[in-house]
Amino acid sequence: MESLYFIAIVPPADIQDEITKLKHEVADKYDSKHALRSPPHITLHMPFKWKDKRFFELEGVMKKLNDGLNPFRTELKGFDFFEPRVVFVNVVDNEDLNQLQKQVVDLCRKELKLDNANYKNRPFHPHVTIAFRDLKKPIFYEAKKEFELRKVGFEFRVEKVALLKHDGMKWNVVVFGD
């Protein structure tokens, strides 16, 4: 069997709670619930399928990533958009974050033989999604008008990266022994 995974930074619980409140607000006001299927996160490696019997290899890469991680601060500030469906909390440009994302992709390519062709065409644009996919285009512009006037900001220390697994309904953080 195969499962679906991705690698991300998951903010501390208090920030997750605040961003989840924004996701619920969007779900209630604009009928866009899809973003509620994952905890707030900054994606470092897009979703990929992995054989369950080879999970130990994923575990090894996650350990290597976290053992080699030099903690750094990152800032989430303001709202931004990918037209015509995505509303997100912007991640302030950060060279440490850019290097971490490159390291994750390179390590996954070398150790797991994961080569995602999408990365070749898209630059890394870190963000924390609060609405996407099921946000209807006409409603997107209504939401955009509201959120571009609002302020939001968080800062936290990145101390580890997380592996998220899809259970058929939603994404869950895979917890490794500390």
C-alpha atoms as a PDB file:
ATOM      1  CA  MET A   1       0.000   0.000   0.000  1.00  0.00           C
ATOM      2  CA  GLU A   2       0.949   3.621  -0.510  1.00  0.00           C
ATOM      3  CA  SER A   3       0.160   6.675   1.560  1.00  0.00           C
ATOM      4  CA  LEU A   4       0.252  10.357   0.676  1.00  0.00           C
ATOM      5  CA  TYR A   5       2.717  12.615   2.537  1.00  0.00           C
ATOM      6  CA  PHE A   6       4.218  16.077   2.446  1.00  0.00           C
ATOM      7  CA  ILE A   7       6.898  17.911   4.444  1.00  0.00           C
ATOM      8  CA  ALA A   8       6.197  21.243   6.107  1.00  0.00           C
ATOM      9  CA  ILE A   9       6.827  23.647   8.938  1.00  0.00           C
ATOM     10  CA  VAL A  10       3.955  23.600  11.408  1.00  0.00           C
ATOM     11  CA  PRO A  11       3.770  26.710  13.618  1.00  0.00           C
ATOM     12  CA  PRO A  12       3.384  26.465  17.404  1.00  0.00           C
ATOM     13  CA  ALA A  13      -0.071  25.556  18.742  1.00  0.00           C
ATOM     14  CA  ASP A  14      -1.105  29.115  19.667  1.00  0.00           C
ATOM     15  CA  ILE A  15      -0.404  30.381  16.139  1.00  0.00           C
ATOM     16  CA  GLN A  16      -2.099  27.317  14.639  1.00  0.00           C
ATOM     17  CA  ASP A  17      -5.187  28.147  16.714  1.00  0.00           C
ATOM     18  CA  GLU A  18      -5.300  31.746  15.460  1.00  0.00           C
ATOM     19  CA  ILE A  19      -4.859  30.741  11.814  1.00  0.00           C
ATOM     20  CA  THR A  20      -7.432  27.962  12.184  1.00  0.00           C
ATOM     21  CA  LYS A  21      -9.899  30.611  13.405  1.00  0.00           C
ATOM     22  CA  LEU A  22      -9.264  32.471  10.124  1.00  0.00           C
ATOM     23  CA  LYS A  23      -9.885  29.254   8.172  1.00  0.00           C
ATOM     24  CA  HIS A  24     -13.191  28.776  10.013  1.00  0.00           C
ATOM     25  CA  GLU A  25     -14.147  32.382   9.301  1.00  0.00           C
ATOM     26  CA  VAL A  26     -13.522  31.833   5.576  1.00  0.00           C
ATOM     27  CA  ALA A  27     -15.436  28.536   5.693  1.00  0.00           C
ATOM     28  CA  ASP A  28     -18.437  30.189   7.350  1.00  0.00           C
ATOM     29  CA  LYS A  29     -18.466  33.425   5.376  1.00  0.00           C
ATOM     30  CA  TYR A  30     -17.334  32.234   1.924  1.00  0.00           C
ATOM     31  CA  ASP A  31     -18.221  28.519   2.001  1.00  0.00           C
ATOM     32  CA  SER A  32     -14.586  27.473   1.456  1.00  0.00           C
ATOM     33  CA  LYS A  33     -13.839  24.580   3.793  1.00  0.00           C
ATOM     34  CA  HIS A  34     -11.037  22.699   2.020  1.00  0.00           C
ATOM     35  CA  ALA A  35      -8.233  24.489   3.916  1.00  0.00           C
ATOM     36  CA  LEU A  36      -9.603  23.022   7.156  1.00  0.00           C
ATOM     37  CA  ARG A  37      -8.373  19.584   6.052  1.00  0.00           C
ATOM     38  CA  SER A  38      -4.818  20.361   7.145  1.00  0.00           C
ATOM     39  CA  PRO A  39      -3.218  22.129  10.086  1.00  0.00           C
ATOM     40  CA  PRO A  40      -1.757  25.552   9.304  1.00  0.00           C
ATOM     41  CA  HIS A  41       1.649  24.978   7.711  1.00  0.00           C
ATOM     42  CA  ILE A  42       4.345  26.189   5.319  1.00  0.00           C
ATOM     43  CA  THR A  43       4.902  23.523   2.664  1.00  0.00           C
ATOM     44  CA  LEU A  44       8.546  22.586   2.072  1.00  0.00           C
ATOM     45  CA  HIS A  45       7.926  19.558  -0.173  1.00  0.00           C
ATOM     46  CA  MET A  46       4.744  19.018  -2.167  1.00  0.00           C
ATOM     47  CA  PRO A  47       2.620  15.893  -1.574  1.00  0.00           C
ATOM     48  CA  PHE A  48       4.062  12.596  -2.734  1.00  0.00           C
ATOM     49  CA  LYS A  49       3.071   8.922  -2.562  1.00  0.00           C
ATOM     50  CA  TRP A  50       5.233   6.556  -0.539  1.00  0.00           C
ATOM     51  CA  LYS A  51       5.046   2.803   0.034  1.00  0.00           C
ATOM     52  CA  ASP A  52       4.053   1.981   3.614  1.00  0.00           C
ATOM     53  CA  LYS A  53       6.618  -0.833   3.801  1.00  0.00           C
ATOM     54  CA  ARG A  54       9.367   1.750   3.137  1.00  0.00           C
ATOM     55  CA  PHE A  55       8.237   4.193   5.844  1.00  0.00           C
ATOM     56  CA  PHE A  56      11.524   3.691   7.713  1.00  0.00           C
ATOM     57  CA  GLU A  57      13.297   5.534   4.863  1.00  0.00           C
ATOM     58  CA  LEU A  58      11.027   8.568   5.326  1.00  0.00           C
ATOM     59  CA  GLU A  59      11.645   8.402   9.036  1.00  0.00           C
ATOM     60  CA  GLY A  60      15.406   8.435   8.412  1.00  0.00           C
ATOM     61  CA  VAL A  61      15.202  11.499   6.163  1.00  0.00           C
ATOM     62  CA  MET A  62      13.038  13.350   8.696  1.00  0.00           C
ATOM     63  CA  LYS A  63      15.540  12.546  11.447  1.00  0.00           C
ATOM     64  CA  LYS A  64      18.417  13.758   9.270  1.00  0.00           C
ATOM     65  CA  LEU A  65      16.567  16.987   8.430  1.00  0.00           C
ATOM     66  CA  ASN A  66      15.707  17.742  12.048  1.00  0.00           C
ATOM     67  CA  ASP A  67      19.102  16.734  13.456  1.00  0.00           C
ATOM     68  CA  GLY A  68      20.795  19.102  10.989  1.00  0.00           C
ATOM     69  CA  LEU A  69      18.360  21.991  11.401  1.00  0.00           C
ATOM     70  CA  ASN A  70      19.777  25.234  12.761  1.00  0.00           C
ATOM     71  CA  PRO A  71      16.759  26.921  14.408  1.00  0.00           C
ATOM     72  CA  PHE A  72      15.748  30.304  13.013  1.00  0.00           C
ATOM     73  CA  ARG A  73      12.951  32.820  13.336  1.00  0.00           C
ATOM     74  CA  THR A  74      10.291  33.319  10.705  1.00  0.00           C
ATOM     75  CA  GLU A  75       7.554  35.893  10.409  1.00  0.00           C
ATOM     76  CA  LEU A  76       4.032  35.646   9.020  1.00  0.00           C
ATOM     77  CA  LYS A  77       2.682  39.052   8.069  1.00  0.00           C
ATOM     78  CA  GLY A  78      -0.344  40.218   6.133  1.00  0.00           C
ATOM     79  CA  PHE A  79      -2.545  38.477   3.616  1.00  0.00           C
ATOM     80  CA  ASP A  80      -1.803  37.784  -0.018  1.00  0.00           C
ATOM     81  CA  PHE A  81      -3.427  35.930  -2.883  1.00  0.00           C
ATOM     82  CA  PHE A  82      -2.909  33.591  -5.798  1.00  0.00           C
ATOM     83  CA  GLU A  83      -5.694  34.551  -8.161  1.00  0.00           C
ATOM     84  CA  PRO A  84      -8.341  33.322  -8.703  1.00  0.00           C
ATOM     85  CA  ARG A  85      -8.840  31.004  -5.689  1.00  0.00           C
ATOM     86  CA  VAL A  86      -6.175  31.186  -2.951  1.00  0.00           C
ATOM     87  CA  VAL A  87      -6.087  33.405   0.140  1.00  0.00           C
ATOM     88  CA  PHE A  88      -3.102  33.040   2.448  1.00  0.00           C
ATOM     89  CA  VAL A  89      -1.079  34.524   5.276  1.00  0.00           C
ATOM     90  CA  ASN A  90       2.176  35.739   3.763  1.00  0.00           C
ATOM     91  CA  VAL A  91       5.554  34.495   4.986  1.00  0.00           C
ATOM     92  CA  VAL A  92       8.127  37.288   5.115  1.00  0.00           C
ATOM     93  CA  ASP A  93      11.080  36.537   2.825  1.00  0.00           C
ATOM     94  CA  ASN A  94      13.716  34.719   4.833  1.00  0.00           C
ATOM     95  CA  GLU A  95      16.993  33.280   3.533  1.00  0.00           C
ATOM     96  CA  ASP A  96      17.111  30.619   6.274  1.00  0.00           C
ATOM     97  CA  LEU A  97      13.680  29.375   5.178  1.00  0.00           C
ATOM     98  CA  ASN A  98      14.693  29.405   1.507  1.00  0.00           C
ATOM     99  CA  GLN A  99      17.804  27.350   2.316  1.00  0.00           C
ATOM    100  CA  LEU A 100      15.784  24.886   4.405  1.00  0.00           C
ATOM    101  CA  GLN A 101      13.308  24.330   1.575  1.00  0.00           C
ATOM    102  CA  LYS A 102      16.153  23.734  -0.881  1.00  0.00           C
ATOM    103  CA  GLN A 103      17.777  21.313   1.570  1.00  0.00           C
ATOM    104  CA  VAL A 104      14.484  19.387   1.985  1.00  0.00           C
ATOM    105  CA  VAL A 105      13.952  19.064  -1.769  1.00  0.00           C
ATOM    106  CA  ASP A 106      17.598  18.107  -2.403  1.00  0.00           C
ATOM    107  CA  LEU A 107      17.657  15.517   0.388  1.00  0.00           C
ATOM    108  CA  CYS A 108      14.366  13.985  -0.786  1.00  0.00           C
ATOM    109  CA  ARG A 109      15.682  13.834  -4.333  1.00  0.00           C
ATOM    110  CA  LYS A 110      18.964  12.190  -3.302  1.00  0.00           C
ATOM    111  CA  GLU A 111      17.846   9.858  -0.515  1.00  0.00           C
ATOM    112  CA  LEU A 112      14.263   9.042  -1.491  1.00  0.00           C
ATOM    113  CA  LYS A 113      14.547   9.497  -5.274  1.00  0.00           C
ATOM    114  CA  LEU A 114      11.623  11.956  -5.171  1.00  0.00           C
ATOM    115  CA  ASP A 115      11.835  14.253  -8.133  1.00  0.00           C
ATOM    116  CA  ASN A 116       8.898  16.585  -8.411  1.00  0.00           C
ATOM    117  CA  ALA A 117       8.978  18.234 -11.824  1.00  0.00           C
ATOM    118  CA  ASN A 118       6.653  21.003 -10.576  1.00  0.00           C
ATOM    119  CA  TYR A 119       9.523  22.562  -8.635  1.00  0.00           C
ATOM    120  CA  LYS A 120      11.425  23.243 -11.842  1.00  0.00           C
ATOM    121  CA  ASN A 121       8.681  25.577 -13.062  1.00  0.00           C
ATOM    122  CA  ARG A 122       7.665  27.268  -9.829  1.00  0.00           C
ATOM    123  CA  PRO A 123       9.788  29.305  -7.457  1.00  0.00           C
ATOM    124  CA  PHE A 124       9.375  28.655  -3.725  1.00  0.00           C
ATOM    125  CA  HIS A 125       6.682  31.022  -2.424  1.00  0.00           C
ATOM    126  CA  PRO A 126       6.160  30.199   1.252  1.00  0.00           C
ATOM    127  CA  HIS A 127       2.678  30.893   2.606  1.00  0.00           C
ATOM    128  CA  VAL A 128       0.019  29.603   5.014  1.00  0.00           C
ATOM    129  CA  THR A 129      -3.205  28.896   3.114  1.00  0.00           C
ATOM    130  CA  ILE A 130      -6.545  29.873   4.622  1.00  0.00           C
ATOM    131  CA  ALA A 131      -8.701  29.327   1.491  1.00  0.00           C
ATOM    132  CA  PHE A 132      -8.154  27.589  -1.848  1.00  0.00           C
ATOM    133  CA  ARG A 133      -9.511  24.974  -4.256  1.00  0.00           C
ATOM    134  CA  ASP A 134     -13.204  25.233  -3.215  1.00  0.00           C
ATOM    135  CA  LEU A 135     -13.251  29.059  -3.043  1.00  0.00           C
ATOM    136  CA  LYS A 136     -15.382  29.983  -6.034  1.00  0.00           C
ATOM    137  CA  LYS A 137     -13.847  32.528  -8.406  1.00  0.00           C
ATOM    138  CA  PRO A 138     -16.521  35.253  -8.028  1.00  0.00           C
ATOM    139  CA  ILE A 139     -16.390  34.906  -4.234  1.00  0.00           C
ATOM    140  CA  PHE A 140     -12.577  35.002  -4.274  1.00  0.00           C
ATOM    141  CA  TYR A 141     -12.654  38.672  -5.285  1.00  0.00           C
ATOM    142  CA  GLU A 142     -15.063  39.454  -2.463  1.00  0.00           C
ATOM    143  CA  ALA A 143     -12.763  37.702   0.031  1.00  0.00           C
ATOM    144  CA  LYS A 144      -9.708  39.406  -1.461  1.00  0.00           C
ATOM    145  CA  LYS A 145     -11.300  42.833  -1.028  1.00  0.00           C
ATOM    146  CA  GLU A 146     -11.915  42.056   2.652  1.00  0.00           C
ATOM    147  CA  PHE A 147      -8.576  40.438   3.498  1.00  0.00           C
ATOM    148  CA  GLU A 148      -6.323  42.928   1.715  1.00  0.00           C
ATOM    149  CA  LEU A 149      -7.549  45.536   4.223  1.00  0.00           C
ATOM    150  CA  ARG A 150      -6.903  43.362   7.280  1.00  0.00           C
ATOM    151  CA  LYS A 151      -3.722  43.027   9.273  1.00  0.00           C
ATOM    152  CA  VAL A 152      -2.274  39.853  10.728  1.00  0.00           C
ATOM    153  CA  GLY A 153       1.147  39.002  12.091  1.00  0.00           C
ATOM    154  CA  PHE A 154       2.959  36.225  13.913  1.00  0.00           C
ATOM    155  CA  GLU A 155       6.565  35.366  14.598  1.00  0.00           C
ATOM    156  CA  PHE A 156       7.962  32.046  15.740  1.00  0.00           C
ATOM    157  CA  ARG A 157      11.120  30.000  15.961  1.00  0.00           C
ATOM    158  CA  VAL A 158      11.440  27.145  13.466  1.00  0.00           C
ATOM    159  CA  GLU A 159      13.006  24.252  15.363  1.00  0.00           C
ATOM    160  CA  LYS A 160      11.883  21.262  13.290  1.00  0.00           C
ATOM    161  CA  VAL A 161      10.143  20.170  10.137  1.00  0.00           C
ATOM    162  CA  ALA A 162       7.092  17.929  10.142  1.00  0.00           C
ATOM    163  CA  LEU A 163       5.899  15.033   8.031  1.00  0.00           C
ATOM    164  CA  LEU A 164       2.169  15.108   7.309  1.00  0.00           C
ATOM    165  CA  LYS A 165       0.177  12.065   6.195  1.00  0.00           C
ATOM    166  CA  HIS A 166      -3.227  12.000   4.531  1.00  0.00           C
ATOM    167  CA  ASP A 167      -5.738   9.659   6.179  1.00  0.00           C
ATOM    168  CA  GLY A 168      -8.256   9.754   3.331  1.00  0.00           C
ATOM    169  CA  MET A 169     -10.084  12.780   4.755  1.00  0.00           C
ATOM    170  CA  LYS A 170      -7.488  15.166   6.151  1.00  0.00           C
ATOM    171  CA  TRP A 171      -3.778  15.715   6.766  1.00  0.00           C
ATOM    172  CA  ASN A 172      -2.257  14.783  10.133  1.00  0.00           C
ATOM    173  CA  VAL A 173       1.192  15.430  11.560  1.00  0.00           C
ATOM    174  CA  VAL A 174       3.136  12.174  11.943  1.00  0.00           C
ATOM    175  CA  VAL A 175       4.622  12.155  15.423  1.00  0.00           C
ATOM    176  CA  PHE A 176       8.055  10.637  15.843  1.00  0.00           C
ATOM    177  CA  GLY A 177       9.531   9.661  19.204  1.00  0.00           C
ATOM    178  CA  ASP A 178      11.496  12.560  20.684  1.00  0.00           C
END
